[in-house]
mmCIF file of all heavy atoms, coordinates in Angstrom:
data_MODEL
# 
_entry.id   MODEL 
# 
loop_
_atom_site.group_PDB 
_atom_site.id 
_atom_site.type_symbol 
_atom_site.label_atom_id 
_atom_site.label_alt_id 
_atom_site.label_comp_id 
_atom_site.label_asym_id 
_atom_site.label_entity_id 
_atom_site.label_seq_id 
_atom_site.pdbx_PDB_ins_code 
_atom_site.Cartn_x 
_atom_site.Cartn_y 
_atom_site.Cartn_z 
_atom_site.occupancy 
_atom_site.B_iso_or_equiv 
_atom_site.pdbx_formal_charge 
_atom_site.auth_seq_id 
_atom_site.auth_comp_id 
_atom_site.auth_asym_id 
_atom_site.auth_atom_id 
_atom_site.pdbx_PDB_model_num 
ATOM 1   N N   . GLN A 1 1  ? 7.605  113.051 137.025 1.00 0.00 ? 1  GLN A N   1 
ATOM 2   C CA  . GLN A 1 1  ? 6.838  112.583 138.180 1.00 0.00 ? 1  GLN A CA  1 
ATOM 3   C C   . GLN A 1 1  ? 7.379  113.246 139.438 1.00 0.00 ? 1  GLN A C   1 
ATOM 4   O O   . GLN A 1 1  ? 8.583  113.322 139.650 1.00 0.00 ? 1  GLN A O   1 
ATOM 5   C CB  . GLN A 1 1  ? 6.951  111.054 138.304 1.00 0.00 ? 1  GLN A CB  1 
ATOM 6   C CG  . GLN A 1 1  ? 6.043  110.435 139.335 1.00 0.00 ? 1  GLN A CG  1 
ATOM 7   C CD  . GLN A 1 1  ? 4.609  110.313 138.844 1.00 0.00 ? 1  GLN A CD  1 
ATOM 8   O OE1 . GLN A 1 1  ? 4.317  110.533 137.675 1.00 0.00 ? 1  GLN A OE1 1 
ATOM 9   N NE2 . GLN A 1 1  ? 3.711  109.970 139.731 1.00 0.00 ? 1  GLN A NE2 1 
ATOM 10  N N   . VAL A 1 2  ? 6.482  113.738 140.254 1.00 0.00 ? 2  VAL A N   1 
ATOM 11  C CA  . VAL A 1 2  ? 6.838  114.373 141.526 1.00 0.00 ? 2  VAL A CA  1 
ATOM 12  C C   . VAL A 1 2  ? 6.170  113.597 142.649 1.00 0.00 ? 2  VAL A C   1 
ATOM 13  O O   . VAL A 1 2  ? 4.977  113.294 142.573 1.00 0.00 ? 2  VAL A O   1 
ATOM 14  C CB  . VAL A 1 2  ? 6.375  115.839 141.566 1.00 0.00 ? 2  VAL A CB  1 
ATOM 15  C CG1 . VAL A 1 2  ? 6.700  116.457 142.923 1.00 0.00 ? 2  VAL A CG1 1 
ATOM 16  C CG2 . VAL A 1 2  ? 7.027  116.638 140.441 1.00 0.00 ? 2  VAL A CG2 1 
ATOM 17  N N   . GLN A 1 3  ? 6.919  113.284 143.661 1.00 0.00 ? 3  GLN A N   1 
ATOM 18  C CA  . GLN A 1 3  ? 6.363  112.625 144.838 1.00 0.00 ? 3  GLN A CA  1 
ATOM 19  C C   . GLN A 1 3  ? 6.377  113.594 146.009 1.00 0.00 ? 3  GLN A C   1 
ATOM 20  O O   . GLN A 1 3  ? 7.360  114.308 146.225 1.00 0.00 ? 3  GLN A O   1 
ATOM 21  C CB  . GLN A 1 3  ? 7.146  111.361 145.162 1.00 0.00 ? 3  GLN A CB  1 
ATOM 22  C CG  . GLN A 1 3  ? 6.985  110.279 144.106 1.00 0.00 ? 3  GLN A CG  1 
ATOM 23  C CD  . GLN A 1 3  ? 7.667  108.973 144.499 1.00 0.00 ? 3  GLN A CD  1 
ATOM 24  O OE1 . GLN A 1 3  ? 8.683  108.977 145.170 1.00 0.00 ? 3  GLN A OE1 1 
ATOM 25  N NE2 . GLN A 1 3  ? 7.096  107.858 144.065 1.00 0.00 ? 3  GLN A NE2 1 
ATOM 26  N N   . LEU A 1 4  ? 5.286  113.591 146.758 1.00 0.00 ? 4  LEU A N   1 
ATOM 27  C CA  . LEU A 1 4  ? 5.125  114.484 147.902 1.00 0.00 ? 4  LEU A CA  1 
ATOM 28  C C   . LEU A 1 4  ? 4.828  113.661 149.146 1.00 0.00 ? 4  LEU A C   1 
ATOM 29  O O   . LEU A 1 4  ? 3.995  112.760 149.109 1.00 0.00 ? 4  LEU A O   1 
ATOM 30  C CB  . LEU A 1 4  ? 3.975  115.459 147.651 1.00 0.00 ? 4  LEU A CB  1 
ATOM 31  C CG  . LEU A 1 4  ? 4.070  116.322 146.398 1.00 0.00 ? 4  LEU A CG  1 
ATOM 32  C CD1 . LEU A 1 4  ? 2.766  117.060 146.166 1.00 0.00 ? 4  LEU A CD1 1 
ATOM 33  C CD2 . LEU A 1 4  ? 5.213  117.307 146.511 1.00 0.00 ? 4  LEU A CD2 1 
ATOM 34  N N   . VAL A 1 5  ? 5.487  114.007 150.237 1.00 0.00 ? 5  VAL A N   1 
ATOM 35  C CA  . VAL A 1 5  ? 5.264  113.311 151.499 1.00 0.00 ? 5  VAL A CA  1 
ATOM 36  C C   . VAL A 1 5  ? 5.014  114.350 152.583 1.00 0.00 ? 5  VAL A C   1 
ATOM 37  O O   . VAL A 1 5  ? 5.915  115.131 152.916 1.00 0.00 ? 5  VAL A O   1 
ATOM 38  C CB  . VAL A 1 5  ? 6.459  112.426 151.879 1.00 0.00 ? 5  VAL A CB  1 
ATOM 39  C CG1 . VAL A 1 5  ? 6.201  111.742 153.219 1.00 0.00 ? 5  VAL A CG1 1 
ATOM 40  C CG2 . VAL A 1 5  ? 6.724  111.390 150.785 1.00 0.00 ? 5  VAL A CG2 1 
ATOM 41  N N   . GLU A 1 6  ? 3.795  114.340 153.126 1.00 0.00 ? 6  GLU A N   1 
ATOM 42  C CA  . GLU A 1 6  ? 3.445  115.273 154.204 1.00 0.00 ? 6  GLU A CA  1 
ATOM 43  C C   . GLU A 1 6  ? 3.751  114.654 155.557 1.00 0.00 ? 6  GLU A C   1 
ATOM 44  O O   . GLU A 1 6  ? 3.733  113.428 155.715 1.00 0.00 ? 6  GLU A O   1 
ATOM 45  C CB  . GLU A 1 6  ? 1.949  115.627 154.165 1.00 0.00 ? 6  GLU A CB  1 
ATOM 46  C CG  . GLU A 1 6  ? 1.459  116.285 152.898 1.00 0.00 ? 6  GLU A CG  1 
ATOM 47  C CD  . GLU A 1 6  ? 0.734  115.317 151.996 1.00 0.00 ? 6  GLU A CD  1 
ATOM 48  O OE1 . GLU A 1 6  ? 1.029  114.111 152.058 1.00 0.00 ? 6  GLU A OE1 1 
ATOM 49  O OE2 . GLU A 1 6  ? -0.147 115.762 151.230 1.00 0.00 ? 6  GLU A OE2 1 
ATOM 50  N N   . SER A 1 7  ? 4.015  115.508 156.528 1.00 0.00 ? 7  SER A N   1 
ATOM 51  C CA  . SER A 1 7  ? 4.218  115.077 157.902 1.00 0.00 ? 7  SER A CA  1 
ATOM 52  C C   . SER A 1 7  ? 3.852  116.226 158.826 1.00 0.00 ? 7  SER A C   1 
ATOM 53  O O   . SER A 1 7  ? 3.678  117.359 158.383 1.00 0.00 ? 7  SER A O   1 
ATOM 54  C CB  . SER A 1 7  ? 5.664  114.632 158.129 1.00 0.00 ? 7  SER A CB  1 
ATOM 55  O OG  . SER A 1 7  ? 6.545  115.705 157.885 1.00 0.00 ? 7  SER A OG  1 
ATOM 56  N N   . GLY A 1 8  ? 3.758  115.905 160.111 1.00 0.00 ? 8  GLY A N   1 
ATOM 57  C CA  . GLY A 1 8  ? 3.527  116.948 161.101 1.00 0.00 ? 8  GLY A CA  1 
ATOM 58  C C   . GLY A 1 8  ? 2.116  117.027 161.641 1.00 0.00 ? 8  GLY A C   1 
ATOM 59  O O   . GLY A 1 8  ? 1.836  117.821 162.537 1.00 0.00 ? 8  GLY A O   1 
ATOM 60  N N   . GLY A 1 9  ? 1.217  116.224 161.096 1.00 0.00 ? 9  GLY A N   1 
ATOM 61  C CA  . GLY A 1 9  ? -0.143 116.242 161.605 1.00 0.00 ? 9  GLY A CA  1 
ATOM 62  C C   . GLY A 1 9  ? -0.228 115.607 162.979 1.00 0.00 ? 9  GLY A C   1 
ATOM 63  O O   . GLY A 1 9  ? 0.736  115.027 163.480 1.00 0.00 ? 9  GLY A O   1 
ATOM 64  N N   . GLY A 1 10 ? -1.407 115.723 163.601 1.00 0.00 ? 10 GLY A N   1 
ATOM 65  C CA  . GLY A 1 10 ? -1.597 115.135 164.909 1.00 0.00 ? 10 GLY A CA  1 
ATOM 66  C C   . GLY A 1 10 ? -2.810 115.676 165.601 1.00 0.00 ? 10 GLY A C   1 
ATOM 67  O O   . GLY A 1 10 ? -3.648 116.333 164.986 1.00 0.00 ? 10 GLY A O   1 
ATOM 68  N N   . LEU A 1 11 ? -2.874 115.397 166.888 1.00 0.00 ? 11 LEU A N   1 
ATOM 69  C CA  . LEU A 1 11 ? -3.977 115.856 167.730 1.00 0.00 ? 11 LEU A CA  1 
ATOM 70  C C   . LEU A 1 11 ? -3.505 117.025 168.570 1.00 0.00 ? 11 LEU A C   1 
ATOM 71  O O   . LEU A 1 11 ? -2.443 116.946 169.217 1.00 0.00 ? 11 LEU A O   1 
ATOM 72  C CB  . LEU A 1 11 ? -4.445 114.707 168.633 1.00 0.00 ? 11 LEU A CB  1 
ATOM 73  C CG  . LEU A 1 11 ? -5.494 115.042 169.681 1.00 0.00 ? 11 LEU A CG  1 
ATOM 74  C CD1 . LEU A 1 11 ? -6.801 115.464 169.024 1.00 0.00 ? 11 LEU A CD1 1 
ATOM 75  C CD2 . LEU A 1 11 ? -5.717 113.839 170.603 1.00 0.00 ? 11 LEU A CD2 1 
ATOM 76  N N   . VAL A 1 12 ? -4.268 118.098 168.565 1.00 0.00 ? 12 VAL A N   1 
ATOM 77  C CA  . VAL A 1 12 ? -3.892 119.295 169.312 1.00 0.00 ? 12 VAL A CA  1 
ATOM 78  C C   . VAL A 1 12 ? -5.151 119.925 169.897 1.00 0.00 ? 12 VAL A C   1 
ATOM 79  O O   . VAL A 1 12 ? -6.236 119.786 169.326 1.00 0.00 ? 12 VAL A O   1 
ATOM 80  C CB  . VAL A 1 12 ? -3.140 120.293 168.398 1.00 0.00 ? 12 VAL A CB  1 
ATOM 81  C CG1 . VAL A 1 12 ? -4.031 120.805 167.287 1.00 0.00 ? 12 VAL A CG1 1 
ATOM 82  C CG2 . VAL A 1 12 ? -2.545 121.443 169.189 1.00 0.00 ? 12 VAL A CG2 1 
ATOM 83  N N   . GLN A 1 13 ? -5.012 120.588 171.014 1.00 0.00 ? 13 GLN A N   1 
ATOM 84  C CA  . GLN A 1 13 ? -6.148 121.274 171.607 1.00 0.00 ? 13 GLN A CA  1 
ATOM 85  C C   . GLN A 1 13 ? -6.413 122.585 170.882 1.00 0.00 ? 13 GLN A C   1 
ATOM 86  O O   . GLN A 1 13 ? -5.501 123.188 170.296 1.00 0.00 ? 13 GLN A O   1 
ATOM 87  C CB  . GLN A 1 13 ? -5.884 121.546 173.086 1.00 0.00 ? 13 GLN A CB  1 
ATOM 88  C CG  . GLN A 1 13 ? -5.914 120.299 173.959 1.00 0.00 ? 13 GLN A CG  1 
ATOM 89  C CD  . GLN A 1 13 ? -5.836 120.630 175.434 1.00 0.00 ? 13 GLN A CD  1 
ATOM 90  O OE1 . GLN A 1 13 ? -5.280 121.648 175.814 1.00 0.00 ? 13 GLN A OE1 1 
ATOM 91  N NE2 . GLN A 1 13 ? -6.395 119.766 176.279 1.00 0.00 ? 13 GLN A NE2 1 
ATOM 92  N N   . ALA A 1 14 ? -7.644 123.036 170.947 1.00 0.00 ? 14 ALA A N   1 
ATOM 93  C CA  . ALA A 1 14 ? -8.001 124.321 170.361 1.00 0.00 ? 14 ALA A CA  1 
ATOM 94  C C   . ALA A 1 14 ? -7.113 125.417 170.936 1.00 0.00 ? 14 ALA A C   1 
ATOM 95  O O   . ALA A 1 14 ? -6.839 125.436 172.141 1.00 0.00 ? 14 ALA A O   1 
ATOM 96  C CB  . ALA A 1 14 ? -9.465 124.631 170.614 1.00 0.00 ? 14 ALA A CB  1 
ATOM 97  N N   . GLY A 1 15 ? -6.649 126.282 170.056 1.00 0.00 ? 15 GLY A N   1 
ATOM 98  C CA  . GLY A 1 15 ? -5.738 127.335 170.456 1.00 0.00 ? 15 GLY A CA  1 
ATOM 99  C C   . GLY A 1 15 ? -4.274 126.975 170.290 1.00 0.00 ? 15 GLY A C   1 
ATOM 100 O O   . GLY A 1 15 ? -3.398 127.843 170.394 1.00 0.00 ? 15 GLY A O   1 
ATOM 101 N N   . GLY A 1 16 ? -4.014 125.709 170.045 1.00 0.00 ? 16 GLY A N   1 
ATOM 102 C CA  . GLY A 1 16 ? -2.645 125.242 169.888 1.00 0.00 ? 16 GLY A CA  1 
ATOM 103 C C   . GLY A 1 16 ? -2.112 125.437 168.481 1.00 0.00 ? 16 GLY A C   1 
ATOM 104 O O   . GLY A 1 16 ? -2.764 126.040 167.621 1.00 0.00 ? 16 GLY A O   1 
ATOM 105 N N   . SER A 1 17 ? -0.908 124.905 168.264 1.00 0.00 ? 17 SER A N   1 
ATOM 106 C CA  . SER A 1 17 ? -0.217 125.084 166.989 1.00 0.00 ? 17 SER A CA  1 
ATOM 107 C C   . SER A 1 17 ? 0.329  123.760 166.472 1.00 0.00 ? 17 SER A C   1 
ATOM 108 O O   . SER A 1 17 ? 0.630  122.852 167.252 1.00 0.00 ? 17 SER A O   1 
ATOM 109 C CB  . SER A 1 17 ? 0.947  126.063 167.153 1.00 0.00 ? 17 SER A CB  1 
ATOM 110 O OG  . SER A 1 17 ? 0.501  127.338 167.546 1.00 0.00 ? 17 SER A OG  1 
ATOM 111 N N   . LEU A 1 18 ? 0.455  123.681 165.169 1.00 0.00 ? 18 LEU A N   1 
ATOM 112 C CA  . LEU A 1 18 ? 1.123  122.577 164.491 1.00 0.00 ? 18 LEU A CA  1 
ATOM 113 C C   . LEU A 1 18 ? 1.856  123.143 163.278 1.00 0.00 ? 18 LEU A C   1 
ATOM 114 O O   . LEU A 1 18 ? 1.423  124.153 162.712 1.00 0.00 ? 18 LEU A O   1 
ATOM 115 C CB  . LEU A 1 18 ? 0.126  121.518 164.012 1.00 0.00 ? 18 LEU A CB  1 
ATOM 116 C CG  . LEU A 1 18 ? -0.468 120.541 165.018 1.00 0.00 ? 18 LEU A CG  1 
ATOM 117 C CD1 . LEU A 1 18 ? -1.531 119.681 164.334 1.00 0.00 ? 18 LEU A CD1 1 
ATOM 118 C CD2 . LEU A 1 18 ? 0.604  119.657 165.632 1.00 0.00 ? 18 LEU A CD2 1 
ATOM 119 N N   . ARG A 1 19 ? 2.936  122.475 162.888 1.00 0.00 ? 19 ARG A N   1 
ATOM 120 C CA  . ARG A 1 19 ? 3.599  122.821 161.643 1.00 0.00 ? 19 ARG A CA  1 
ATOM 121 C C   . ARG A 1 19 ? 3.640  121.599 160.743 1.00 0.00 ? 19 ARG A C   1 
ATOM 122 O O   . ARG A 1 19 ? 4.226  120.577 161.108 1.00 0.00 ? 19 ARG A O   1 
ATOM 123 C CB  . ARG A 1 19 ? 5.017  123.340 161.872 1.00 0.00 ? 19 ARG A CB  1 
ATOM 124 C CG  . ARG A 1 19 ? 5.632  123.880 160.579 1.00 0.00 ? 19 ARG A CG  1 
ATOM 125 C CD  . ARG A 1 19 ? 6.989  124.499 160.769 1.00 0.00 ? 19 ARG A CD  1 
ATOM 126 N NE  . ARG A 1 19 ? 8.060  123.512 160.765 1.00 0.00 ? 19 ARG A NE  1 
ATOM 127 C CZ  . ARG A 1 19 ? 9.306  123.765 160.407 1.00 0.00 ? 19 ARG A CZ  1 
ATOM 128 N NH1 . ARG A 1 19 ? 9.650  124.978 160.022 1.00 0.00 ? 19 ARG A NH1 1 
ATOM 129 N NH2 . ARG A 1 19 ? 10.219 122.814 160.469 1.00 0.00 ? 19 ARG A NH2 1 
ATOM 130 N N   . LEU A 1 20 ? 3.015  121.720 159.612 1.00 0.00 ? 20 LEU A N   1 
ATOM 131 C CA  . LEU A 1 20 ? 3.035  120.658 158.624 1.00 0.00 ? 20 LEU A CA  1 
ATOM 132 C C   . LEU A 1 20 ? 4.212  120.865 157.673 1.00 0.00 ? 20 LEU A C   1 
ATOM 133 O O   . LEU A 1 20 ? 4.562  122.000 157.352 1.00 0.00 ? 20 LEU A O   1 
ATOM 134 C CB  . LEU A 1 20 ? 1.735  120.638 157.822 1.00 0.00 ? 20 LEU A CB  1 
ATOM 135 C CG  . LEU A 1 20 ? 0.435  120.540 158.615 1.00 0.00 ? 20 LEU A CG  1 
ATOM 136 C CD1 . LEU A 1 20 ? -0.743 120.458 157.661 1.00 0.00 ? 20 LEU A CD1 1 
ATOM 137 C CD2 . LEU A 1 20 ? 0.455  119.383 159.570 1.00 0.00 ? 20 LEU A CD2 1 
ATOM 138 N N   . SER A 1 21 ? 4.780  119.767 157.235 1.00 0.00 ? 21 SER A N   1 
ATOM 139 C CA  . SER A 1 21 ? 5.852  119.803 156.250 1.00 0.00 ? 21 SER A CA  1 
ATOM 140 C C   . SER A 1 21 ? 5.466  118.939 155.056 1.00 0.00 ? 21 SER A C   1 
ATOM 141 O O   . SER A 1 21 ? 4.737  117.955 155.198 1.00 0.00 ? 21 SER A O   1 
ATOM 142 C CB  . SER A 1 21 ? 7.164  119.265 156.846 1.00 0.00 ? 21 SER A CB  1 
ATOM 143 O OG  . SER A 1 21 ? 7.584  120.034 157.942 1.00 0.00 ? 21 SER A OG  1 
ATOM 144 N N   . CYS A 1 22 ? 5.975  119.306 153.908 1.00 0.00 ? 22 CYS A N   1 
ATOM 145 C CA  . CYS A 1 22 ? 5.743  118.524 152.694 1.00 0.00 ? 22 CYS A CA  1 
ATOM 146 C C   . CYS A 1 22 ? 7.057  118.473 151.926 1.00 0.00 ? 22 CYS A C   1 
ATOM 147 O O   . CYS A 1 22 ? 7.522  119.499 151.411 1.00 0.00 ? 22 CYS A O   1 
ATOM 148 C CB  . CYS A 1 22 ? 4.653  119.152 151.852 1.00 0.00 ? 22 CYS A CB  1 
ATOM 149 S SG  . CYS A 1 22 ? 4.420  118.359 150.250 1.00 0.00 ? 22 CYS A SG  1 
ATOM 150 N N   . ALA A 1 23 ? 7.641  117.288 151.878 1.00 0.00 ? 23 ALA A N   1 
ATOM 151 C CA  . ALA A 1 23 ? 8.893  117.092 151.162 1.00 0.00 ? 23 ALA A CA  1 
ATOM 152 C C   . ALA A 1 23 ? 8.607  116.607 149.747 1.00 0.00 ? 23 ALA A C   1 
ATOM 153 O O   . ALA A 1 23 ? 7.825  115.669 149.553 1.00 0.00 ? 23 ALA A O   1 
ATOM 154 C CB  . ALA A 1 23 ? 9.767  116.086 151.896 1.00 0.00 ? 23 ALA A CB  1 
ATOM 155 N N   . ALA A 1 24 ? 9.234  117.240 148.784 1.00 0.00 ? 24 ALA A N   1 
ATOM 156 C CA  . ALA A 1 24 ? 8.979  116.922 147.383 1.00 0.00 ? 24 ALA A CA  1 
ATOM 157 C C   . ALA A 1 24 ? 10.220 116.381 146.702 1.00 0.00 ? 24 ALA A C   1 
ATOM 158 O O   . ALA A 1 24 ? 11.340 116.799 146.996 1.00 0.00 ? 24 ALA A O   1 
ATOM 159 C CB  . ALA A 1 24 ? 8.501  118.168 146.648 1.00 0.00 ? 24 ALA A CB  1 
ATOM 160 N N   . SER A 1 25 ? 9.993  115.448 145.812 1.00 0.00 ? 25 SER A N   1 
ATOM 161 C CA  . SER A 1 25 ? 11.083 114.973 144.964 1.00 0.00 ? 25 SER A CA  1 
ATOM 162 C C   . SER A 1 25 ? 11.162 115.871 143.732 1.00 0.00 ? 25 SER A C   1 
ATOM 163 O O   . SER A 1 25 ? 10.269 116.676 143.481 1.00 0.00 ? 25 SER A O   1 
ATOM 164 C CB  . SER A 1 25 ? 10.834 113.529 144.536 1.00 0.00 ? 25 SER A CB  1 
ATOM 165 O OG  . SER A 1 25 ? 9.678  113.471 143.714 1.00 0.00 ? 25 SER A OG  1 
ATOM 166 N N   . GLY A 1 26 ? 12.226 115.731 142.987 1.00 0.00 ? 26 GLY A N   1 
ATOM 167 C CA  . GLY A 1 26 ? 12.303 116.503 141.757 1.00 0.00 ? 26 GLY A CA  1 
ATOM 168 C C   . GLY A 1 26 ? 13.363 117.580 141.839 1.00 0.00 ? 26 GLY A C   1 
ATOM 169 O O   . GLY A 1 26 ? 13.455 118.296 142.830 1.00 0.00 ? 26 GLY A O   1 
ATOM 170 N N   . ARG A 1 27 ? 14.141 117.677 140.777 1.00 0.00 ? 27 ARG A N   1 
ATOM 171 C CA  . ARG A 1 27 ? 15.247 118.626 140.772 1.00 0.00 ? 27 ARG A CA  1 
ATOM 172 C C   . ARG A 1 27 ? 14.816 120.038 140.442 1.00 0.00 ? 27 ARG A C   1 
ATOM 173 O O   . ARG A 1 27 ? 15.616 120.960 140.528 1.00 0.00 ? 27 ARG A O   1 
ATOM 174 C CB  . ARG A 1 27 ? 16.304 118.159 139.772 1.00 0.00 ? 27 ARG A CB  1 
ATOM 175 C CG  . ARG A 1 27 ? 17.053 116.916 140.229 1.00 0.00 ? 27 ARG A CG  1 
ATOM 176 C CD  . ARG A 1 27 ? 17.989 116.414 139.146 1.00 0.00 ? 27 ARG A CD  1 
ATOM 177 N NE  . ARG A 1 27 ? 17.256 115.801 138.041 1.00 0.00 ? 27 ARG A NE  1 
ATOM 178 C CZ  . ARG A 1 27 ? 17.853 115.292 136.973 1.00 0.00 ? 27 ARG A CZ  1 
ATOM 179 N NH1 . ARG A 1 27 ? 19.154 115.339 136.835 1.00 0.00 ? 27 ARG A NH1 1 
ATOM 180 N NH2 . ARG A 1 27 ? 17.129 114.755 136.018 1.00 0.00 ? 27 ARG A NH2 1 
ATOM 181 N N   . THR A 1 28 ? 13.558 120.216 140.048 1.00 0.00 ? 28 THR A N   1 
ATOM 182 C CA  . THR A 1 28 ? 13.088 121.550 139.693 1.00 0.00 ? 28 THR A CA  1 
ATOM 183 C C   . THR A 1 28 ? 12.071 122.065 140.697 1.00 0.00 ? 28 THR A C   1 
ATOM 184 O O   . THR A 1 28 ? 11.192 122.847 140.345 1.00 0.00 ? 28 THR A O   1 
ATOM 185 C CB  . THR A 1 28 ? 12.485 121.537 138.280 1.00 0.00 ? 28 THR A CB  1 
ATOM 186 O OG1 . THR A 1 28 ? 11.436 120.547 138.226 1.00 0.00 ? 28 THR A OG1 1 
ATOM 187 C CG2 . THR A 1 28 ? 13.536 121.237 137.247 1.00 0.00 ? 28 THR A CG2 1 
ATOM 188 N N   . PHE A 1 29 ? 12.206 121.654 141.952 1.00 0.00 ? 29 PHE A N   1 
ATOM 189 C CA  . PHE A 1 29 ? 11.262 122.070 142.993 1.00 0.00 ? 29 PHE A CA  1 
ATOM 190 C C   . PHE A 1 29 ? 11.155 123.583 143.058 1.00 0.00 ? 29 PHE A C   1 
ATOM 191 O O   . PHE A 1 29 ? 10.082 124.129 143.283 1.00 0.00 ? 29 PHE A O   1 
ATOM 192 C CB  . PHE A 1 29 ? 11.712 121.516 144.344 1.00 0.00 ? 29 PHE A CB  1 
ATOM 193 C CG  . PHE A 1 29 ? 10.885 121.993 145.499 1.00 0.00 ? 29 PHE A CG  1 
ATOM 194 C CD1 . PHE A 1 29 ? 9.671  121.397 145.785 1.00 0.00 ? 29 PHE A CD1 1 
ATOM 195 C CD2 . PHE A 1 29 ? 11.321 123.030 146.308 1.00 0.00 ? 29 PHE A CD2 1 
ATOM 196 C CE1 . PHE A 1 29 ? 8.894  121.822 146.853 1.00 0.00 ? 29 PHE A CE1 1 
ATOM 197 C CE2 . PHE A 1 29 ? 10.563 123.473 147.373 1.00 0.00 ? 29 PHE A CE2 1 
ATOM 198 C CZ  . PHE A 1 29 ? 9.349  122.860 147.655 1.00 0.00 ? 29 PHE A CZ  1 
ATOM 199 N N   . SER A 1 30 ? 12.264 124.277 142.855 1.00 0.00 ? 30 SER A N   1 
ATOM 200 C CA  . SER A 1 30 ? 12.266 125.734 143.001 1.00 0.00 ? 30 SER A CA  1 
ATOM 201 C C   . SER A 1 30 ? 11.420 126.423 141.943 1.00 0.00 ? 30 SER A C   1 
ATOM 202 O O   . SER A 1 30 ? 11.140 127.607 142.054 1.00 0.00 ? 30 SER A O   1 
ATOM 203 C CB  . SER A 1 30 ? 13.690 126.271 142.945 1.00 0.00 ? 30 SER A CB  1 
ATOM 204 O OG  . SER A 1 30 ? 14.287 125.954 141.707 1.00 0.00 ? 30 SER A OG  1 
ATOM 205 N N   . THR A 1 31 ? 10.983 125.695 140.920 1.00 0.00 ? 31 THR A N   1 
ATOM 206 C CA  . THR A 1 31 ? 10.135 126.284 139.885 1.00 0.00 ? 31 THR A CA  1 
ATOM 207 C C   . THR A 1 31 ? 8.656  125.960 140.097 1.00 0.00 ? 31 THR A C   1 
ATOM 208 O O   . THR A 1 31 ? 7.811  126.410 139.333 1.00 0.00 ? 31 THR A O   1 
ATOM 209 C CB  . THR A 1 31 ? 10.534 125.774 138.488 1.00 0.00 ? 31 THR A CB  1 
ATOM 210 O OG1 . THR A 1 31 ? 10.262 124.367 138.403 1.00 0.00 ? 31 THR A OG1 1 
ATOM 211 C CG2 . THR A 1 31 ? 12.016 126.018 138.226 1.00 0.00 ? 31 THR A CG2 1 
ATOM 212 N N   . TYR A 1 32 ? 8.342  125.179 141.122 1.00 0.00 ? 32 TYR A N   1 
ATOM 213 C CA  . TYR A 1 32 ? 6.963  124.752 141.340 1.00 0.00 ? 32 TYR A CA  1 
ATOM 214 C C   . TYR A 1 32 ? 6.192  125.777 142.175 1.00 0.00 ? 32 TYR A C   1 
ATOM 215 O O   . TYR A 1 32 ? 6.727  126.354 143.119 1.00 0.00 ? 32 TYR A O   1 
ATOM 216 C CB  . TYR A 1 32 ? 6.907  123.421 142.087 1.00 0.00 ? 32 TYR A CB  1 
ATOM 217 C CG  . TYR A 1 32 ? 7.594  122.250 141.412 1.00 0.00 ? 32 TYR A CG  1 
ATOM 218 C CD1 . TYR A 1 32 ? 8.010  121.161 142.163 1.00 0.00 ? 32 TYR A CD1 1 
ATOM 219 C CD2 . TYR A 1 32 ? 7.806  122.214 140.047 1.00 0.00 ? 32 TYR A CD2 1 
ATOM 220 C CE1 . TYR A 1 32 ? 8.628  120.075 141.585 1.00 0.00 ? 32 TYR A CE1 1 
ATOM 221 C CE2 . TYR A 1 32 ? 8.435  121.135 139.450 1.00 0.00 ? 32 TYR A CE2 1 
ATOM 222 C CZ  . TYR A 1 32 ? 8.843  120.070 140.226 1.00 0.00 ? 32 TYR A CZ  1 
ATOM 223 O OH  . TYR A 1 32 ? 9.461  118.994 139.646 1.00 0.00 ? 32 TYR A OH  1 
ATOM 224 N N   . VAL A 1 33 ? 4.921  125.922 141.863 1.00 0.00 ? 33 VAL A N   1 
ATOM 225 C CA  . VAL A 1 33 ? 3.985  126.596 142.757 1.00 0.00 ? 33 VAL A CA  1 
ATOM 226 C C   . VAL A 1 33 ? 3.425  125.513 143.687 1.00 0.00 ? 33 VAL A C   1 
ATOM 227 O O   . VAL A 1 33 ? 3.057  124.425 143.236 1.00 0.00 ? 33 VAL A O   1 
ATOM 228 C CB  . VAL A 1 33 ? 2.847  127.263 141.973 1.00 0.00 ? 33 VAL A CB  1 
ATOM 229 C CG1 . VAL A 1 33 ? 1.851  127.908 142.920 1.00 0.00 ? 33 VAL A CG1 1 
ATOM 230 C CG2 . VAL A 1 33 ? 3.416  128.302 140.997 1.00 0.00 ? 33 VAL A CG2 1 
ATOM 231 N N   . MET A 1 34 ? 3.401  125.799 144.966 1.00 0.00 ? 34 MET A N   1 
ATOM 232 C CA  . MET A 1 34 ? 2.979  124.808 145.951 1.00 0.00 ? 34 MET A CA  1 
ATOM 233 C C   . MET A 1 34 ? 1.710  125.265 146.648 1.00 0.00 ? 34 MET A C   1 
ATOM 234 O O   . MET A 1 34 ? 1.535  126.463 146.927 1.00 0.00 ? 34 MET A O   1 
ATOM 235 C CB  . MET A 1 34 ? 4.068  124.592 146.992 1.00 0.00 ? 34 MET A CB  1 
ATOM 236 C CG  . MET A 1 34 ? 5.408  124.143 146.423 1.00 0.00 ? 34 MET A CG  1 
ATOM 237 S SD  . MET A 1 34 ? 5.352  122.526 145.654 1.00 0.00 ? 34 MET A SD  1 
ATOM 238 C CE  . MET A 1 34 ? 4.899  121.503 147.053 1.00 0.00 ? 34 MET A CE  1 
ATOM 239 N N   . GLY A 1 35 ? 0.876  124.300 146.987 1.00 0.00 ? 35 GLY A N   1 
ATOM 240 C CA  . GLY A 1 35 ? -0.357 124.630 147.684 1.00 0.00 ? 35 GLY A CA  1 
ATOM 241 C C   . GLY A 1 35 ? -0.664 123.645 148.789 1.00 0.00 ? 35 GLY A C   1 
ATOM 242 O O   . GLY A 1 35 ? -0.151 122.528 148.806 1.00 0.00 ? 35 GLY A O   1 
# 
């Protein structure tokens, strides 16, 4: 079982920037393909 928690969303004006993050559980994260 893998748990994923996203963060970083919000309200931004056109032309602006945001960075989303996704933290994953699991000891084999380095073997996962992420999307």
